[in-house]
Amino acid sequence: YDIYQPLTTFMVSRFTDDYRVLFGLFGL
C-alpha cells in the first residue's frame, strides 16, 4: 500500500539478498 519500500527492496533484490545493502540505501 506504499510504493517506496517495496520498490527499493525489489531493485536491491535483483543483485543481492544482503540486508546491509538495502539498509545502507535506506540510510542514504
mmCIF file of all heavy atoms, coordinates in Angstrom:
data_MODEL
# 
_entry.id   MODEL 
# 
loop_
_atom_site.group_PDB 
_atom_site.id 
_atom_site.type_symbol 
_atom_site.label_atom_id 
_atom_site.label_alt_id 
_atom_site.label_comp_id 
_atom_site.label_asym_id 
_atom_site.label_entity_id 
_atom_site.label_seq_id 
_atom_site.pdbx_PDB_ins_code 
_atom_site.Cartn_x 
_atom_site.Cartn_y 
_atom_site.Cartn_z 
_atom_site.occupancy 
_atom_site.B_iso_or_equiv 
_atom_site.pdbx_formal_charge 
_atom_site.auth_seq_id 
_atom_site.auth_comp_id 
_atom_site.auth_asym_id 
_atom_site.auth_atom_id 
_atom_site.pdbx_PDB_model_num 
ATOM 1   N N   . TYR A 1 1  ? 0.813  -1.202  0.000  1.00 0.00 ? 1  TYR A N   1 
ATOM 2   C CA  . TYR A 1 1  ? 0.000  0.000   0.000  1.00 0.00 ? 1  TYR A CA  1 
ATOM 3   C C   . TYR A 1 1  ? 0.853  1.261   0.000  1.00 0.00 ? 1  TYR A C   1 
ATOM 4   O O   . TYR A 1 1  ? 0.336  2.365   0.056  1.00 0.00 ? 1  TYR A O   1 
ATOM 5   C CB  . TYR A 1 1  ? -0.956 0.004   1.203  1.00 0.00 ? 1  TYR A CB  1 
ATOM 6   C CG  . TYR A 1 1  ? -2.035 -1.035  1.056  1.00 0.00 ? 1  TYR A CG  1 
ATOM 7   C CD1 . TYR A 1 1  ? -1.826 -2.328  1.511  1.00 0.00 ? 1  TYR A CD1 1 
ATOM 8   C CD2 . TYR A 1 1  ? -3.236 -0.730  0.430  1.00 0.00 ? 1  TYR A CD2 1 
ATOM 9   C CE1 . TYR A 1 1  ? -2.805 -3.295  1.353  1.00 0.00 ? 1  TYR A CE1 1 
ATOM 10  C CE2 . TYR A 1 1  ? -4.212 -1.694  0.272  1.00 0.00 ? 1  TYR A CE2 1 
ATOM 11  C CZ  . TYR A 1 1  ? -3.999 -2.976  0.740  1.00 0.00 ? 1  TYR A CZ  1 
ATOM 12  O OH  . TYR A 1 1  ? -4.964 -3.938  0.584  1.00 0.00 ? 1  TYR A OH  1 
ATOM 13  N N   . ASP A 1 2  ? 2.166  1.091   -0.047 1.00 0.00 ? 2  ASP A N   1 
ATOM 14  C CA  . ASP A 1 2  ? 3.100  2.187   -0.197 1.00 0.00 ? 2  ASP A CA  1 
ATOM 15  C C   . ASP A 1 2  ? 4.099  1.767   -1.271 1.00 0.00 ? 2  ASP A C   1 
ATOM 16  O O   . ASP A 1 2  ? 4.398  0.578   -1.418 1.00 0.00 ? 2  ASP A O   1 
ATOM 17  C CB  . ASP A 1 2  ? 3.831  2.477   1.121  1.00 0.00 ? 2  ASP A CB  1 
ATOM 18  C CG  . ASP A 1 2  ? 2.859  2.591   2.294  1.00 0.00 ? 2  ASP A CG  1 
ATOM 19  O OD1 . ASP A 1 2  ? 1.947  3.423   2.200  1.00 0.00 ? 2  ASP A OD1 1 
ATOM 20  O OD2 . ASP A 1 2  ? 3.017  1.835   3.265  1.00 0.00 ? 2  ASP A OD2 1 
ATOM 21  N N   . ILE A 1 3  ? 4.624  2.725   -1.992 1.00 0.00 ? 3  ILE A N   1 
ATOM 22  C CA  . ILE A 1 3  ? 5.436  2.397   -3.158 1.00 0.00 ? 3  ILE A CA  1 
ATOM 23  C C   . ILE A 1 3  ? 6.923  2.307   -2.842 1.00 0.00 ? 3  ILE A C   1 
ATOM 24  O O   . ILE A 1 3  ? 7.620  1.414   -3.325 1.00 0.00 ? 3  ILE A O   1 
ATOM 25  C CB  . ILE A 1 3  ? 5.186  3.443   -4.274 1.00 0.00 ? 3  ILE A CB  1 
ATOM 26  C CG1 . ILE A 1 3  ? 3.753  3.319   -4.779 1.00 0.00 ? 3  ILE A CG1 1 
ATOM 27  C CG2 . ILE A 1 3  ? 6.182  3.287   -5.414 1.00 0.00 ? 3  ILE A CG2 1 
ATOM 28  C CD1 . ILE A 1 3  ? 3.375  4.352   -5.811 1.00 0.00 ? 3  ILE A CD1 1 
ATOM 29  N N   . TYR A 1 4  ? 7.420  3.210   -2.003 1.00 0.00 ? 4  TYR A N   1 
ATOM 30  C CA  . TYR A 1 4  ? 8.874  3.374   -1.837 1.00 0.00 ? 4  TYR A CA  1 
ATOM 31  C C   . TYR A 1 4  ? 9.575  2.114   -1.336 1.00 0.00 ? 4  TYR A C   1 
ATOM 32  O O   . TYR A 1 4  ? 10.510 1.612   -1.976 1.00 0.00 ? 4  TYR A O   1 
ATOM 33  C CB  . TYR A 1 4  ? 9.147  4.552   -0.896 1.00 0.00 ? 4  TYR A CB  1 
ATOM 34  C CG  . TYR A 1 4  ? 10.568 4.608   -0.406 1.00 0.00 ? 4  TYR A CG  1 
ATOM 35  C CD1 . TYR A 1 4  ? 11.616 4.920   -1.274 1.00 0.00 ? 4  TYR A CD1 1 
ATOM 36  C CD2 . TYR A 1 4  ? 10.883 4.339   0.935  1.00 0.00 ? 4  TYR A CD2 1 
ATOM 37  C CE1 . TYR A 1 4  ? 12.923 4.960   -0.835 1.00 0.00 ? 4  TYR A CE1 1 
ATOM 38  C CE2 . TYR A 1 4  ? 12.184 4.383   1.383  1.00 0.00 ? 4  TYR A CE2 1 
ATOM 39  C CZ  . TYR A 1 4  ? 13.211 4.690   0.500  1.00 0.00 ? 4  TYR A CZ  1 
ATOM 40  O OH  . TYR A 1 4  ? 14.501 4.730   0.941  1.00 0.00 ? 4  TYR A OH  1 
ATOM 41  N N   . GLN A 1 5  ? 9.146  1.581   -0.204 1.00 0.00 ? 5  GLN A N   1 
ATOM 42  C CA  . GLN A 1 5  ? 9.876  0.462   0.398  1.00 0.00 ? 5  GLN A CA  1 
ATOM 43  C C   . GLN A 1 5  ? 9.874  -0.811  -0.461 1.00 0.00 ? 5  GLN A C   1 
ATOM 44  O O   . GLN A 1 5  ? 10.934 -1.399  -0.714 1.00 0.00 ? 5  GLN A O   1 
ATOM 45  C CB  . GLN A 1 5  ? 9.332  0.184   1.809  1.00 0.00 ? 5  GLN A CB  1 
ATOM 46  C CG  . GLN A 1 5  ? 9.996  -0.982  2.523  1.00 0.00 ? 5  GLN A CG  1 
ATOM 47  C CD  . GLN A 1 5  ? 9.277  -2.306  2.271  1.00 0.00 ? 5  GLN A CD  1 
ATOM 48  O OE1 . GLN A 1 5  ? 8.038  -2.339  2.239  1.00 0.00 ? 5  GLN A OE1 1 
ATOM 49  N NE2 . GLN A 1 5  ? 10.028 -3.377  2.072  1.00 0.00 ? 5  GLN A NE2 1 
ATOM 50  N N   . PRO A 1 6  ? 8.708  -1.270  -0.949 1.00 0.00 ? 6  PRO A N   1 
ATOM 51  C CA  . PRO A 1 6  ? 8.753  -2.489  -1.765 1.00 0.00 ? 6  PRO A CA  1 
ATOM 52  C C   . PRO A 1 6  ? 9.498  -2.293  -3.081 1.00 0.00 ? 6  PRO A C   1 
ATOM 53  O O   . PRO A 1 6  ? 10.181 -3.209  -3.546 1.00 0.00 ? 6  PRO A O   1 
ATOM 54  C CB  . PRO A 1 6  ? 7.262  -2.816  -2.003 1.00 0.00 ? 6  PRO A CB  1 
ATOM 55  C CG  . PRO A 1 6  ? 6.526  -1.563  -1.721 1.00 0.00 ? 6  PRO A CG  1 
ATOM 56  C CD  . PRO A 1 6  ? 7.319  -0.842  -0.689 1.00 0.00 ? 6  PRO A CD  1 
ATOM 57  N N   . LEU A 1 7  ? 9.402  -1.085  -3.665 1.00 0.00 ? 7  LEU A N   1 
ATOM 58  C CA  . LEU A 1 7  ? 10.114 -0.835  -4.921 1.00 0.00 ? 7  LEU A CA  1 
ATOM 59  C C   . LEU A 1 7  ? 11.622 -0.842  -4.694 1.00 0.00 ? 7  LEU A C   1 
ATOM 60  O O   . LEU A 1 7  ? 12.382 -1.429  -5.480 1.00 0.00 ? 7  LEU A O   1 
ATOM 61  C CB  . LEU A 1 7  ? 9.667  0.507   -5.516 1.00 0.00 ? 7  LEU A CB  1 
ATOM 62  C CG  . LEU A 1 7  ? 10.274 0.891   -6.864 1.00 0.00 ? 7  LEU A CG  1 
ATOM 63  C CD1 . LEU A 1 7  ? 9.946  -0.154  -7.917 1.00 0.00 ? 7  LEU A CD1 1 
ATOM 64  C CD2 . LEU A 1 7  ? 9.785  2.269   -7.302 1.00 0.00 ? 7  LEU A CD2 1 
ATOM 65  N N   . THR A 1 8  ? 12.081 -0.199  -3.621 1.00 0.00 ? 8  THR A N   1 
ATOM 66  C CA  . THR A 1 8  ? 13.505 -0.185  -3.308 1.00 0.00 ? 8  THR A CA  1 
ATOM 67  C C   . THR A 1 8  ? 13.997 -1.587  -2.987 1.00 0.00 ? 8  THR A C   1 
ATOM 68  O O   . THR A 1 8  ? 15.069 -2.011  -3.449 1.00 0.00 ? 8  THR A O   1 
ATOM 69  C CB  . THR A 1 8  ? 13.770 0.747   -2.108 1.00 0.00 ? 8  THR A CB  1 
ATOM 70  O OG1 . THR A 1 8  ? 13.268 2.050   -2.383 1.00 0.00 ? 8  THR A OG1 1 
ATOM 71  C CG2 . THR A 1 8  ? 15.262 0.837   -1.808 1.00 0.00 ? 8  THR A CG2 1 
ATOM 72  N N   . THR A 1 9  ? 13.221 -2.330  -2.214 1.00 0.00 ? 9  THR A N   1 
ATOM 73  C CA  . THR A 1 9  ? 13.599 -3.705  -1.872 1.00 0.00 ? 9  THR A CA  1 
ATOM 74  C C   . THR A 1 9  ? 13.694 -4.562  -3.129 1.00 0.00 ? 9  THR A C   1 
ATOM 75  O O   . THR A 1 9  ? 14.621 -5.374  -3.282 1.00 0.00 ? 9  THR A O   1 
ATOM 76  C CB  . THR A 1 9  ? 12.569 -4.313  -0.902 1.00 0.00 ? 9  THR A CB  1 
ATOM 77  O OG1 . THR A 1 9  ? 12.463 -3.492  0.263  1.00 0.00 ? 9  THR A OG1 1 
ATOM 78  C CG2 . THR A 1 9  ? 12.972 -5.716  -0.486 1.00 0.00 ? 9  THR A CG2 1 
ATOM 79  N N   . PHE A 1 10 ? 12.752 -4.387  -4.041 1.00 0.00 ? 10 PHE A N   1 
ATOM 80  C CA  . PHE A 1 10 ? 12.757 -5.154  -5.291 1.00 0.00 ? 10 PHE A CA  1 
ATOM 81  C C   . PHE A 1 10 ? 14.016 -4.873  -6.105 1.00 0.00 ? 10 PHE A C   1 
ATOM 82  O O   . PHE A 1 10 ? 14.671 -5.800  -6.611 1.00 0.00 ? 10 PHE A O   1 
ATOM 83  C CB  . PHE A 1 10 ? 11.515 -4.820  -6.110 1.00 0.00 ? 10 PHE A CB  1 
ATOM 84  C CG  . PHE A 1 10 ? 11.480 -5.469  -7.470 1.00 0.00 ? 10 PHE A CG  1 
ATOM 85  C CD1 . PHE A 1 10 ? 11.090 -6.790  -7.610 1.00 0.00 ? 10 PHE A CD1 1 
ATOM 86  C CD2 . PHE A 1 10 ? 11.867 -4.759  -8.598 1.00 0.00 ? 10 PHE A CD2 1 
ATOM 87  C CE1 . PHE A 1 10 ? 11.073 -7.401  -8.863 1.00 0.00 ? 10 PHE A CE1 1 
ATOM 88  C CE2 . PHE A 1 10 ? 11.843 -5.355  -9.851 1.00 0.00 ? 10 PHE A CE2 1 
ATOM 89  C CZ  . PHE A 1 10 ? 11.446 -6.671  -9.979 1.00 0.00 ? 10 PHE A CZ  1 
ATOM 90  N N   . MET A 1 11 ? 14.381 -3.585  -6.227 1.00 0.00 ? 11 MET A N   1 
ATOM 91  C CA  . MET A 1 11 ? 15.560 -3.225  -7.022 1.00 0.00 ? 11 MET A CA  1 
ATOM 92  C C   . MET A 1 11 ? 16.831 -3.810  -6.424 1.00 0.00 ? 11 MET A C   1 
ATOM 93  O O   . MET A 1 11 ? 17.679 -4.347  -7.151 1.00 0.00 ? 11 MET A O   1 
ATOM 94  C CB  . MET A 1 11 ? 15.664 -1.704  -7.142 1.00 0.00 ? 11 MET A CB  1 
ATOM 95  C CG  . MET A 1 11 ? 14.580 -1.076  -7.996 1.00 0.00 ? 11 MET A CG  1 
ATOM 96  S SD  . MET A 1 11 ? 14.868 0.689   -8.319 1.00 0.00 ? 11 MET A SD  1 
ATOM 97  C CE  . MET A 1 11 ? 14.862 1.357   -6.650 1.00 0.00 ? 11 MET A CE  1 
ATOM 98  N N   . VAL A 1 12 ? 16.970 -3.749  -5.109 1.00 0.00 ? 12 VAL A N   1 
ATOM 99  C CA  . VAL A 1 12 ? 18.158 -4.302  -4.459 1.00 0.00 ? 12 VAL A CA  1 
ATOM 100 C C   . VAL A 1 12 ? 18.172 -5.822  -4.588 1.00 0.00 ? 12 VAL A C   1 
ATOM 101 O O   . VAL A 1 12 ? 19.227 -6.434  -4.782 1.00 0.00 ? 12 VAL A O   1 
ATOM 102 C CB  . VAL A 1 12 ? 18.205 -3.876  -2.974 1.00 0.00 ? 12 VAL A CB  1 
ATOM 103 C CG1 . VAL A 1 12 ? 19.337 -4.598  -2.237 1.00 0.00 ? 12 VAL A CG1 1 
ATOM 104 C CG2 . VAL A 1 12 ? 18.385 -2.367  -2.856 1.00 0.00 ? 12 VAL A CG2 1 
ATOM 105 N N   . SER A 1 13 ? 16.994 -6.448  -4.532 1.00 0.00 ? 13 SER A N   1 
ATOM 106 C CA  . SER A 1 13 ? 16.914 -7.915  -4.583 1.00 0.00 ? 13 SER A CA  1 
ATOM 107 C C   . SER A 1 13 ? 17.359 -8.481  -5.919 1.00 0.00 ? 13 SER A C   1 
ATOM 108 O O   . SER A 1 13 ? 17.641 -9.682  -6.018 1.00 0.00 ? 13 SER A O   1 
ATOM 109 C CB  . SER A 1 13 ? 15.479 -8.367  -4.292 1.00 0.00 ? 13 SER A CB  1 
ATOM 110 O OG  . SER A 1 13 ? 14.615 -8.089  -5.389 1.00 0.00 ? 13 SER A OG  1 
ATOM 111 N N   . ARG A 1 14 ? 17.418 -7.634  -6.941 1.00 0.00 ? 14 ARG A N   1 
ATOM 112 C CA  . ARG A 1 14 ? 17.839 -8.131  -8.252 1.00 0.00 ? 14 ARG A CA  1 
ATOM 113 C C   . ARG A 1 14 ? 19.308 -8.517  -8.287 1.00 0.00 ? 14 ARG A C   1 
ATOM 114 O O   . ARG A 1 14 ? 19.735 -9.266  -9.183 1.00 0.00 ? 14 ARG A O   1 
ATOM 115 C CB  . ARG A 1 14 ? 17.553 -7.075  -9.332 1.00 0.00 ? 14 ARG A CB  1 
ATOM 116 C CG  . ARG A 1 14 ? 16.081 -6.738  -9.558 1.00 0.00 ? 14 ARG A CG  1 
ATOM 117 C CD  . ARG A 1 14 ? 15.215 -7.951  -9.853 1.00 0.00 ? 14 ARG A CD  1 
ATOM 118 N NE  . ARG A 1 14 ? 14.716 -8.597  -8.626 1.00 0.00 ? 14 ARG A NE  1 
ATOM 119 C CZ  . ARG A 1 14 ? 14.063 -9.747  -8.598 1.00 0.00 ? 14 ARG A CZ  1 
ATOM 120 N NH1 . ARG A 1 14 ? 13.860 -10.400 -9.714 1.00 0.00 ? 14 ARG A NH1 1 
ATOM 121 N NH2 . ARG A 1 14 ? 13.631 -10.238 -7.460 1.00 0.00 ? 14 ARG A NH2 1 
ATOM 122 N N   . PHE A 1 15 ? 20.112 -8.002  -7.310 1.00 0.00 ? 15 PHE A N   1 
ATOM 123 C CA  . PHE A 1 15 ? 21.527 -8.350  -7.346 1.00 0.00 ? 15 PHE A CA  1 
ATOM 124 C C   . PHE A 1 15 ? 22.089 -8.830  -6.011 1.00 0.00 ? 15 PHE A C   1 
ATOM 125 O O   . PHE A 1 15 ? 23.230 -9.290  -5.957 1.00 0.00 ? 15 PHE A O   1 
ATOM 126 C CB  . PHE A 1 15 ? 22.371 -7.176  -7.861 1.00 0.00 ? 15 PHE A CB  1 
ATOM 127 C CG  . PHE A 1 15 ? 22.239 -5.910  -7.053 1.00 0.00 ? 15 PHE A CG  1 
ATOM 128 C CD1 . PHE A 1 15 ? 23.049 -5.662  -5.964 1.00 0.00 ? 15 PHE A CD1 1 
ATOM 129 C CD2 . PHE A 1 15 ? 21.291 -4.950  -7.419 1.00 0.00 ? 15 PHE A CD2 1 
ATOM 130 C CE1 . PHE A 1 15 ? 22.936 -4.501  -5.234 1.00 0.00 ? 15 PHE A CE1 1 
ATOM 131 C CE2 . PHE A 1 15 ? 21.174 -3.769  -6.690 1.00 0.00 ? 15 PHE A CE2 1 
ATOM 132 C CZ  . PHE A 1 15 ? 21.996 -3.542  -5.598 1.00 0.00 ? 15 PHE A CZ  1 
ATOM 133 N N   . THR A 1 16 ? 21.308 -8.774  -4.918 1.00 0.00 ? 16 THR A N   1 
ATOM 134 C CA  . THR A 1 16 ? 21.810 -9.285  -3.643 1.00 0.00 ? 16 THR A CA  1 
ATOM 135 C C   . THR A 1 16 ? 20.664 -9.532  -2.674 1.00 0.00 ? 16 THR A C   1 
ATOM 136 O O   . THR A 1 16 ? 19.583 -8.938  -2.813 1.00 0.00 ? 16 THR A O   1 
ATOM 137 C CB  . THR A 1 16 ? 22.808 -8.299  -3.000 1.00 0.00 ? 16 THR A CB  1 
ATOM 138 O OG1 . THR A 1 16 ? 23.338 -8.871  -1.796 1.00 0.00 ? 16 THR A OG1 1 
ATOM 139 C CG2 . THR A 1 16 ? 22.126 -6.997  -2.639 1.00 0.00 ? 16 THR A CG2 1 
ATOM 140 N N   . ASP A 1 17 ? 20.921 -10.397 -1.673 1.00 0.00 ? 17 ASP A N   1 
ATOM 141 C CA  . ASP A 1 17 ? 19.969 -10.584 -0.592 1.00 0.00 ? 17 ASP A CA  1 
ATOM 142 C C   . ASP A 1 17 ? 20.560 -10.110 0.738  1.00 0.00 ? 17 ASP A C   1 
ATOM 143 O O   . ASP A 1 17 ? 20.021 -10.397 1.810  1.00 0.00 ? 17 ASP A O   1 
ATOM 144 C CB  . ASP A 1 17 ? 19.520 -12.042 -0.484 1.00 0.00 ? 17 ASP A CB  1 
ATOM 145 C CG  . ASP A 1 17 ? 20.676 -12.983 -0.130 1.00 0.00 ? 17 ASP A CG  1 
ATOM 146 O OD1 . ASP A 1 17 ? 21.843 -12.508 -0.059 1.00 0.00 ? 17 ASP A OD1 1 
ATOM 147 O OD2 . ASP A 1 17 ? 20.424 -14.181 0.074  1.00 0.00 ? 17 ASP A OD2 1 
ATOM 148 N N   . ASP A 1 18 ? 21.663 -9.354  0.673  1.00 0.00 ? 18 ASP A N   1 
ATOM 149 C CA  . ASP A 1 18 ? 22.332 -8.833  1.861  1.00 0.00 ? 18 ASP A CA  1 
ATOM 150 C C   . ASP A 1 18 ? 21.582 -7.600  2.362  1.00 0.00 ? 18 ASP A C   1 
ATOM 151 O O   . ASP A 1 18 ? 21.547 -6.567  1.680  1.00 0.00 ? 18 ASP A O   1 
ATOM 152 C CB  . ASP A 1 18 ? 23.776 -8.474  1.530  1.00 0.00 ? 18 ASP A CB  1 
ATOM 153 C CG  . ASP A 1 18 ? 24.610 -8.163  2.773  1.00 0.00 ? 18 ASP A CG  1 
ATOM 154 O OD1 . ASP A 1 18 ? 24.028 -7.736  3.791  1.00 0.00 ? 18 ASP A OD1 1 
ATOM 155 O OD2 . ASP A 1 18 ? 25.847 -8.338  2.708  1.00 0.00 ? 18 ASP A OD2 1 
ATOM 156 N N   . TYR A 1 19 ? 20.996 -7.714  3.552  1.00 0.00 ? 19 TYR A N   1 
ATOM 157 C CA  . TYR A 1 19 ? 20.172 -6.616  4.059  1.00 0.00 ? 19 TYR A CA  1 
ATOM 158 C C   . TYR A 1 19 ? 20.982 -5.346  4.304  1.00 0.00 ? 19 TYR A C   1 
ATOM 159 O O   . TYR A 1 19 ? 20.432 -4.238  4.336  1.00 0.00 ? 19 TYR A O   1 
ATOM 160 C CB  . TYR A 1 19 ? 19.446 -7.035  5.343  1.00 0.00 ? 19 TYR A CB  1 
ATOM 161 C CG  . TYR A 1 19 ? 20.310 -7.100  6.586  1.00 0.00 ? 19 TYR A CG  1 
ATOM 162 C CD1 . TYR A 1 19 ? 20.542 -5.965  7.354  1.00 0.00 ? 19 TYR A CD1 1 
ATOM 163 C CD2 . TYR A 1 19 ? 20.869 -8.306  6.999  1.00 0.00 ? 19 TYR A CD2 1 
ATOM 164 C CE1 . TYR A 1 19 ? 21.322 -6.019  8.495  1.00 0.00 ? 19 TYR A CE1 1 
ATOM 165 C CE2 . TYR A 1 19 ? 21.644 -8.373  8.140  1.00 0.00 ? 19 TYR A CE2 1 
ATOM 166 C CZ  . TYR A 1 19 ? 21.875 -7.227  8.883  1.00 0.00 ? 19 TYR A CZ  1 
ATOM 167 O OH  . TYR A 1 19 ? 22.650 -7.280  10.002 1.00 0.00 ? 19 TYR A OH  1 
ATOM 168 N N   . ARG A 1 20 ? 22.305 -5.477  4.456  1.00 0.00 ? 20 ARG A N   1 
ATOM 169 C CA  . ARG A 1 20 ? 23.126 -4.290  4.696  1.00 0.00 ? 20 ARG A CA  1 
ATOM 170 C C   . ARG A 1 20 ? 23.095 -3.347  3.504  1.00 0.00 ? 20 ARG A C   1 
ATOM 171 O O   . ARG A 1 20 ? 23.129 -2.120  3.673  1.00 0.00 ? 20 ARG A O   1 
ATOM 172 C CB  . ARG A 1 20 ? 24.559 -4.705  5.037  1.00 0.00 ? 20 ARG A CB  1 
ATOM 173 C CG  . ARG A 1 20 ? 24.687 -5.387  6.391  1.00 0.00 ? 20 ARG A CG  1 
ATOM 174 C CD  . ARG A 1 20 ? 26.098 -5.855  6.651  1.00 0.00 ? 20 ARG A CD  1 
ATOM 175 N NE  . ARG A 1 20 ? 26.511 -6.899  5.715  1.00 0.00 ? 20 ARG A NE  1 
ATOM 176 C CZ  . ARG A 1 20 ? 27.663 -7.567  5.794  1.00 0.00 ? 20 ARG A CZ  1 
ATOM 177 N NH1 . ARG A 1 20 ? 28.511 -7.286  6.779  1.00 0.00 ? 20 ARG A NH1 1 
ATOM 178 N NH2 . ARG A 1 20 ? 27.963 -8.503  4.922  1.00 0.00 ? 20 ARG A NH2 1 
ATOM 179 N N   . VAL A 1 21 ? 23.029 -3.899  2.307  1.00 0.00 ? 21 VAL A N   1 
ATOM 180 C CA  . VAL A 1 21 ? 22.933 -3.061  1.114  1.00 0.00 ? 21 VAL A CA  1 
ATOM 181 C C   . VAL A 1 21 ? 21.611 -2.297  1.116  1.00 0.00 ? 21 VAL A C   1 
ATOM 182 O O   . VAL A 1 21 ? 21.559 -1.081  0.864  1.00 0.00 ? 21 VAL A O   1 
ATOM 183 C CB  . VAL A 1 21 ? 23.056 -3.911  -0.165 1.00 0.00 ? 21 VAL A CB  1 
ATOM 184 C CG1 . VAL A 1 21 ? 22.887 -3.038  -1.410 1.00 0.00 ? 21 VAL A CG1 1 
ATOM 185 C CG2 . VAL A 1 21 ? 24.396 -4.636  -0.197 1.00 0.00 ? 21 VAL A CG2 1 
ATOM 186 N N   . LEU A 1 22 ? 20.531 -3.012  1.426  1.00 0.00 ? 22 LEU A N   1 
ATOM 187 C CA  . LEU A 1 22 ? 19.210 -2.385  1.453  1.00 0.00 ? 22 LEU A CA  1 
ATOM 188 C C   . LEU A 1 22 ? 19.145 -1.306  2.530  1.00 0.00 ? 22 LEU A C   1 
ATOM 189 O O   . LEU A 1 22 ? 18.695 -0.181  2.267  1.00 0.00 ? 22 LEU A O   1 
ATOM 190 C CB  . LEU A 1 22 ? 18.141 -3.445  1.724  1.00 0.00 ? 22 LEU A CB  1 
ATOM 191 C CG  . LEU A 1 22 ? 16.699 -2.932  1.843  1.00 0.00 ? 22 LEU A CG  1 
ATOM 192 C CD1 . LEU A 1 22 ? 16.240 -2.302  0.548  1.00 0.00 ? 22 LEU A CD1 1 
ATOM 193 C CD2 . LEU A 1 22 ? 15.765 -4.073  2.250  1.00 0.00 ? 22 LEU A CD2 1 
ATOM 194 N N   . PHE A 1 23 ? 19.621 -1.615  3.721  1.00 0.00 ? 23 PHE A N   1 
ATOM 195 C CA  . PHE A 1 23 ? 19.535 -0.644  4.818  1.00 0.00 ? 23 PHE A CA  1 
ATOM 196 C C   . PHE A 1 23 ? 20.497 0.513   4.606  1.00 0.00 ? 23 PHE A C   1 
ATOM 197 O O   . PHE A 1 23 ? 20.236 1.627   5.062  1.00 0.00 ? 23 PHE A O   1 
ATOM 198 C CB  . PHE A 1 23 ? 19.807 -1.331  6.151  1.00 0.00 ? 23 PHE A CB  1 
ATOM 199 C CG  . PHE A 1 23 ? 18.712 -2.266  6.578  1.00 0.00 ? 23 PHE A CG  1 
ATOM 200 C CD1 . PHE A 1 23 ? 18.831 -3.014  7.735  1.00 0.00 ? 23 PHE A CD1 1 
ATOM 201 C CD2 . PHE A 1 23 ? 17.555 -2.422  5.830  1.00 0.00 ? 23 PHE A CD2 1 
ATOM 202 C CE1 . PHE A 1 23 ? 17.828 -3.880  8.144  1.00 0.00 ? 23 PHE A CE1 1 
ATOM 203 C CE2 . PHE A 1 23 ? 16.544 -3.286  6.206  1.00 0.00 ? 23 PHE A CE2 1 
ATOM 204 C CZ  . PHE A 1 23 ? 16.682 -4.016  7.362  1.00 0.00 ? 23 PHE A CZ  1 
ATOM 205 N N   . GLY A 1 24 ? 21.620 0.255   3.928  1.00 0.00 ? 24 GLY A N   1 
ATOM 206 C CA  . GLY A 1 24 ? 22.513 1.349   3.581  1.00 0.00 ? 24 GLY A CA  1 
ATOM 207 C C   . GLY A 1 24 ? 21.847 2.327   2.634  1.00 0.00 ? 24 GLY A C   1 
ATOM 208 O O   . GLY A 1 24 ? 21.987 3.551   2.766  1.00 0.00 ? 24 GLY A O   1 
ATOM 209 N N   . LEU A 1 25 ? 21.085 1.789   1.674  1.00 0.00 ? 25 LEU A N   1 
ATOM 210 C CA  . LEU A 1 25 ? 20.338 2.650   0.751  1.00 0.00 ? 25 LEU A CA  1 
ATOM 211 C C   . LEU A 1 25 ? 19.232 3.391   1.485  1.00 0.00 ? 25 LEU A C   1 
ATOM 212 O O   . LEU A 1 25 ? 19.016 4.595   1.259  1.00 0.00 ? 25 LEU A O   1 
ATOM 213 C CB  . LEU A 1 25 ? 19.758 1.803   -0.380 1.00 0.00 ? 25 LEU A CB  1 
ATOM 214 C CG  . LEU A 1 25 ? 19.046 2.557   -1.513 1.00 0.00 ? 25 LEU A CG  1 
ATOM 215 C CD1 . LEU A 1 25 ? 19.968 3.599   -2.128 1.00 0.00 ? 25 LEU A CD1 1 
ATOM 216 C CD2 . LEU A 1 25 ? 18.551 1.589   -2.572 1.00 0.00 ? 25 LEU A CD2 1 
ATOM 217 N N   . PHE A 1 26 ? 18.523 2.687   2.369  1.00 0.00 ? 26 PHE A N   1 
ATOM 218 C CA  . PHE A 1 26 ? 17.522 3.356   3.207  1.00 0.00 ? 26 PHE A CA  1 
ATOM 219 C C   . PHE A 1 26 ? 18.162 4.517   3.980  1.00 0.00 ? 26 PHE A C   1 
ATOM 220 O O   . PHE A 1 26 ? 17.605 5.608   4.074  1.00 0.00 ? 26 PHE A O   1 
ATOM 221 C CB  . PHE A 1 26 ? 16.918 2.373   4.211  1.00 0.00 ? 26 PHE A CB  1 
ATOM 222 C CG  . PHE A 1 26 ? 15.927 1.407   3.627  1.00 0.00 ? 26 PHE A CG  1 
ATOM 223 C CD1 . PHE A 1 26 ? 15.607 0.225   4.302  1.00 0.00 ? 26 PHE A CD1 1 
ATOM 224 C CD2 . PHE A 1 26 ? 15.301 1.661   2.423  1.00 0.00 ? 26 PHE A CD2 1 
ATOM 225 C CE1 . PHE A 1 26 ? 14.685 -0.665  3.775  1.00 0.00 ? 26 PHE A CE1 1 
ATOM 226 C CE2 . PHE A 1 26 ? 14.375 0.765   1.889  1.00 0.00 ? 26 PHE A CE2 1 
ATOM 227 C CZ  . PHE A 1 26 ? 14.075 -0.403  2.570  1.00 0.00 ? 26 PHE A CZ  1 
ATOM 228 N N   . GLY A 1 27 ? 19.349 4.245   4.545  1.00 0.00 ? 27 GLY A N   1 
ATOM 229 C CA  . GLY A 1 27 ? 20.030 5.268   5.330  1.00 0.00 ? 27 GLY A CA  1 
ATOM 230 C C   . GLY A 1 27 ? 20.435 6.465   4.504  1.00 0.00 ? 27 GLY A C   1 
ATOM 231 O O   . GLY A 1 27 ? 20.358 7.613   4.966  1.00 0.00 ? 27 GLY A O   1 
ATOM 232 N N   . LEU A 1 28 ? 20.861 6.241   3.265  1.00 0.00 ? 28 LEU A N   1 
ATOM 233 C CA  . LEU A 1 28 ? 21.241 7.354   2.395  1.00 0.00 ? 28 LEU A CA  1 
ATOM 234 C C   . LEU A 1 28 ? 20.041 8.244   2.078  1.00 0.00 ? 28 LEU A C   1 
ATOM 235 O O   . LEU A 1 28 ? 20.153 9.476   2.085  1.00 0.00 ? 28 LEU A O   1 
ATOM 236 C CB  . LEU A 1 28 ? 21.858 6.830   1.104  1.00 0.00 ? 28 LEU A CB  1 
ATOM 237 C CG  . LEU A 1 28 ? 23.322 6.401   1.173  1.00 0.00 ? 28 LEU A CG  1 
ATOM 238 C CD1 . LEU A 1 28 ? 23.752 5.812   -0.175 1.00 0.00 ? 28 LEU A CD1 1 
ATOM 239 C CD2 . LEU A 1 28 ? 24.214 7.580   1.537  1.00 0.00 ? 28 LEU A CD2 1 
# 
